[in-house]
Amino acid sequence: MDFNTWKTLDPVEDIAHKLGFDVGRCSDWDDYGSQFRATNDKDVGHLVTRAAEIADDLTAGELSVLAAMLHAADFSRQADTLCDGATWKGLDRTHGDEATAVALAILRG
């Protein structure tokens, strides 16, 4: 599986939509990170702020996807903060496309 598979997984599209980020415009992992960081900086931390706002309303699996998306965009510290220092603890409750989304983000190439 590759980046194009990842960005079209339902959990990734859903979390990206909740963040207000168009992941569909990204062509690869580097482009994803660059666009995510540029969008976040342009709005003075808009995406990271939005991630914190939605985190409490997400299931454990969705929170793991959000953390993986932050990690893949070089915001691992913010992912860890959202997960109270245990970013990957929810992985044991992550299945199906959520688990695939997390694994691909961790293994990004």
C-alpha atoms as a PDB file:
ATOM      1  CA  MET A   1       0.000   0.000   0.000  1.00  0.00           C
ATOM      2  CA  ASP A   2       1.150   3.509  -0.678  1.00  0.00           C
ATOM      3  CA  PHE A   3       0.310   7.121   0.081  1.00  0.00           C
ATOM      4  CA  ASN A   4      -2.543   7.219  -2.437  1.00  0.00           C
ATOM      5  CA  THR A   5      -4.162   4.265  -0.690  1.00  0.00           C
ATOM      6  CA  TRP A   6      -3.677   5.933   2.706  1.00  0.00           C
ATOM      7  CA  LYS A   7      -5.185   9.268   1.760  1.00  0.00           C
ATOM      8  CA  THR A   8      -8.349   7.602   0.441  1.00  0.00           C
ATOM      9  CA  LEU A   9      -9.011   5.444   3.502  1.00  0.00           C
ATOM     10  CA  ASP A  10     -12.291   6.516   5.118  1.00  0.00           C
ATOM     11  CA  PRO A  11     -10.754   7.212   8.545  1.00  0.00           C
ATOM     12  CA  VAL A  12      -8.079   9.469   7.006  1.00  0.00           C
ATOM     13  CA  GLU A  13     -10.605  11.348   4.886  1.00  0.00           C
ATOM     14  CA  ASP A  14     -12.958  11.703   7.884  1.00  0.00           C
ATOM     15  CA  ILE A  15     -10.300  13.062  10.247  1.00  0.00           C
ATOM     16  CA  ALA A  16      -8.870  15.345   7.547  1.00  0.00           C
ATOM     17  CA  HIS A  17     -12.384  16.720   6.962  1.00  0.00           C
ATOM     18  CA  LYS A  18     -12.851  17.333  10.698  1.00  0.00           C
ATOM     19  CA  LEU A  19      -9.518  19.169  10.710  1.00  0.00           C
ATOM     20  CA  GLY A  20     -10.473  21.225   7.670  1.00  0.00           C
ATOM     21  CA  PHE A  21      -7.544  19.876   5.652  1.00  0.00           C
ATOM     22  CA  ASP A  22      -7.872  18.611   2.064  1.00  0.00           C
ATOM     23  CA  VAL A  23      -5.669  15.518   2.105  1.00  0.00           C
ATOM     24  CA  GLY A  24      -6.823  14.712  -1.434  1.00  0.00           C
ATOM     25  CA  ARG A  25      -4.637  17.512  -2.818  1.00  0.00           C
ATOM     26  CA  CYS A  26      -1.471  15.855  -1.520  1.00  0.00           C
ATOM     27  CA  SER A  27       0.577  13.734  -3.917  1.00  0.00           C
ATOM     28  CA  ASP A  28       2.921  11.885  -1.542  1.00  0.00           C
ATOM     29  CA  TRP A  29       4.134  11.811   2.068  1.00  0.00           C
ATOM     30  CA  ASP A  30       6.522  14.742   1.596  1.00  0.00           C
ATOM     31  CA  ASP A  31       3.795  16.816  -0.037  1.00  0.00           C
ATOM     32  CA  TYR A  32       1.377  15.881   2.759  1.00  0.00           C
ATOM     33  CA  GLY A  33       3.834  17.038   5.416  1.00  0.00           C
ATOM     34  CA  SER A  34       4.651  20.246   3.530  1.00  0.00           C
ATOM     35  CA  GLN A  35       1.013  21.144   2.886  1.00  0.00           C
ATOM     36  CA  PHE A  36      -0.027  20.256   6.437  1.00  0.00           C
ATOM     37  CA  ARG A  37       2.738  22.403   7.920  1.00  0.00           C
ATOM     38  CA  ALA A  38       2.050  25.284   5.517  1.00  0.00           C
ATOM     39  CA  THR A  39      -1.672  25.230   6.300  1.00  0.00           C
ATOM     40  CA  ASN A  40      -0.959  25.060  10.015  1.00  0.00           C
ATOM     41  CA  ASP A  41       1.549  27.941   9.883  1.00  0.00           C
ATOM     42  CA  LYS A  42      -0.613  30.065   7.592  1.00  0.00           C
ATOM     43  CA  ASP A  43      -3.363  30.012  10.174  1.00  0.00           C
ATOM     44  CA  VAL A  44      -1.030  30.333  13.162  1.00  0.00           C
ATOM     45  CA  GLY A  45      -1.413  26.778  14.352  1.00  0.00           C
ATOM     46  CA  HIS A  46      -4.918  26.273  12.974  1.00  0.00           C
ATOM     47  CA  LEU A  47      -4.620  22.519  12.329  1.00  0.00           C
ATOM     48  CA  VAL A  48      -2.945  21.689  15.625  1.00  0.00           C
ATOM     49  CA  THR A  49      -5.510  23.819  17.457  1.00  0.00           C
ATOM     50  CA  ARG A  50      -8.345  22.102  15.602  1.00  0.00           C
ATOM     51  CA  ALA A  51      -6.846  18.693  16.426  1.00  0.00           C
ATOM     52  CA  ALA A  52      -6.984  19.554  20.129  1.00  0.00           C
ATOM     53  CA  GLU A  53     -10.595  20.736  19.754  1.00  0.00           C
ATOM     54  CA  ILE A  54     -11.820  17.510  18.146  1.00  0.00           C
ATOM     55  CA  ALA A  55      -9.697  15.010  20.100  1.00  0.00           C
ATOM     56  CA  ASP A  56     -12.148  14.570  22.983  1.00  0.00           C
ATOM     57  CA  ASP A  57     -14.993  13.714  20.610  1.00  0.00           C
ATOM     58  CA  LEU A  58     -13.141  10.932  18.790  1.00  0.00           C
ATOM     59  CA  THR A  59     -13.235   7.204  19.411  1.00  0.00           C
ATOM     60  CA  ALA A  60      -9.991   5.514  20.470  1.00  0.00           C
ATOM     61  CA  GLY A  61      -9.411   4.351  16.898  1.00  0.00           C
ATOM     62  CA  GLU A  62     -10.081   7.806  15.448  1.00  0.00           C
ATOM     63  CA  LEU A  63      -7.739   9.375  18.002  1.00  0.00           C
ATOM     64  CA  SER A  64      -5.011   6.962  16.908  1.00  0.00           C
ATOM     65  CA  VAL A  65      -5.589   7.985  13.280  1.00  0.00           C
ATOM     66  CA  LEU A  66      -5.393  11.662  14.251  1.00  0.00           C
ATOM     67  CA  ALA A  67      -2.169  11.042  16.176  1.00  0.00           C
ATOM     68  CA  ALA A  68      -0.696   9.161  13.214  1.00  0.00           C
ATOM     69  CA  MET A  69      -1.682  11.969  10.852  1.00  0.00           C
ATOM     70  CA  LEU A  70       0.018  14.500  13.123  1.00  0.00           C
ATOM     71  CA  HIS A  71       3.064  12.249  13.371  1.00  0.00           C
ATOM     72  CA  ALA A  72       3.264  11.906   9.574  1.00  0.00           C
ATOM     73  CA  ALA A  73       3.233  15.710   9.269  1.00  0.00           C
ATOM     74  CA  ASP A  74       6.083  16.062  11.821  1.00  0.00           C
ATOM     75  CA  PHE A  75       3.855  17.030  14.737  1.00  0.00           C
ATOM     76  CA  SER A  76       4.652  14.023  16.934  1.00  0.00           C
ATOM     77  CA  ARG A  77       4.980  16.131  20.074  1.00  0.00           C
ATOM     78  CA  GLN A  78       1.475  17.520  19.572  1.00  0.00           C
ATOM     79  CA  ALA A  79       0.151  14.005  18.956  1.00  0.00           C
ATOM     80  CA  ASP A  80       1.696  12.867  22.232  1.00  0.00           C
ATOM     81  CA  THR A  81       0.170  15.842  24.050  1.00  0.00           C
ATOM     82  CA  LEU A  82      -3.300  15.013  22.701  1.00  0.00           C
ATOM     83  CA  CYS A  83      -2.900  11.429  23.874  1.00  0.00           C
ATOM     84  CA  ASP A  84      -1.653  12.325  27.356  1.00  0.00           C
ATOM     85  CA  GLY A  85       1.854  11.037  26.657  1.00  0.00           C
ATOM     86  CA  ALA A  86       0.701   7.674  25.318  1.00  0.00           C
ATOM     87  CA  THR A  87       0.308   8.300  21.592  1.00  0.00           C
ATOM     88  CA  TRP A  88       0.226   4.674  20.542  1.00  0.00           C
ATOM     89  CA  LYS A  89      -1.550   3.188  23.568  1.00  0.00           C
ATOM     90  CA  GLY A  90      -4.898   3.136  21.734  1.00  0.00           C
ATOM     91  CA  LEU A  91      -3.530   0.919  18.979  1.00  0.00           C
ATOM     92  CA  ASP A  92      -4.806  -2.219  20.682  1.00  0.00           C
ATOM     93  CA  ARG A  93      -8.338  -0.860  20.180  1.00  0.00           C
ATOM     94  CA  THR A  94      -7.720   0.112  16.540  1.00  0.00           C
ATOM     95  CA  HIS A  95      -8.912  -2.274  13.830  1.00  0.00           C
ATOM     96  CA  GLY A  96      -9.646  -2.418  10.115  1.00  0.00           C
ATOM     97  CA  ASP A  97      -9.070   0.729   8.083  1.00  0.00           C
ATOM     98  CA  GLU A  98      -8.140   2.696  11.219  1.00  0.00           C
ATOM     99  CA  ALA A  99      -5.310   0.258  11.956  1.00  0.00           C
ATOM    100  CA  THR A 100      -4.226   0.364   8.308  1.00  0.00           C
ATOM    101  CA  ALA A 101      -4.236   4.182   8.349  1.00  0.00           C
ATOM    102  CA  VAL A 102      -2.101   4.282  11.479  1.00  0.00           C
ATOM    103  CA  ALA A 103       0.356   1.663  10.218  1.00  0.00           C
ATOM    104  CA  LEU A 104       0.842   3.376   6.869  1.00  0.00           C
ATOM    105  CA  ALA A 105       1.415   6.761   8.538  1.00  0.00           C
ATOM    106  CA  ILE A 106       3.983   5.257  10.883  1.00  0.00           C
ATOM    107  CA  LEU A 107       5.746   3.456   8.029  1.00  0.00           C
ATOM    108  CA  ARG A 108       5.562   6.362   5.577  1.00  0.00           C
ATOM    109  CA  GLY A 109       8.328   6.166   3.076  1.00  0.00           C
END
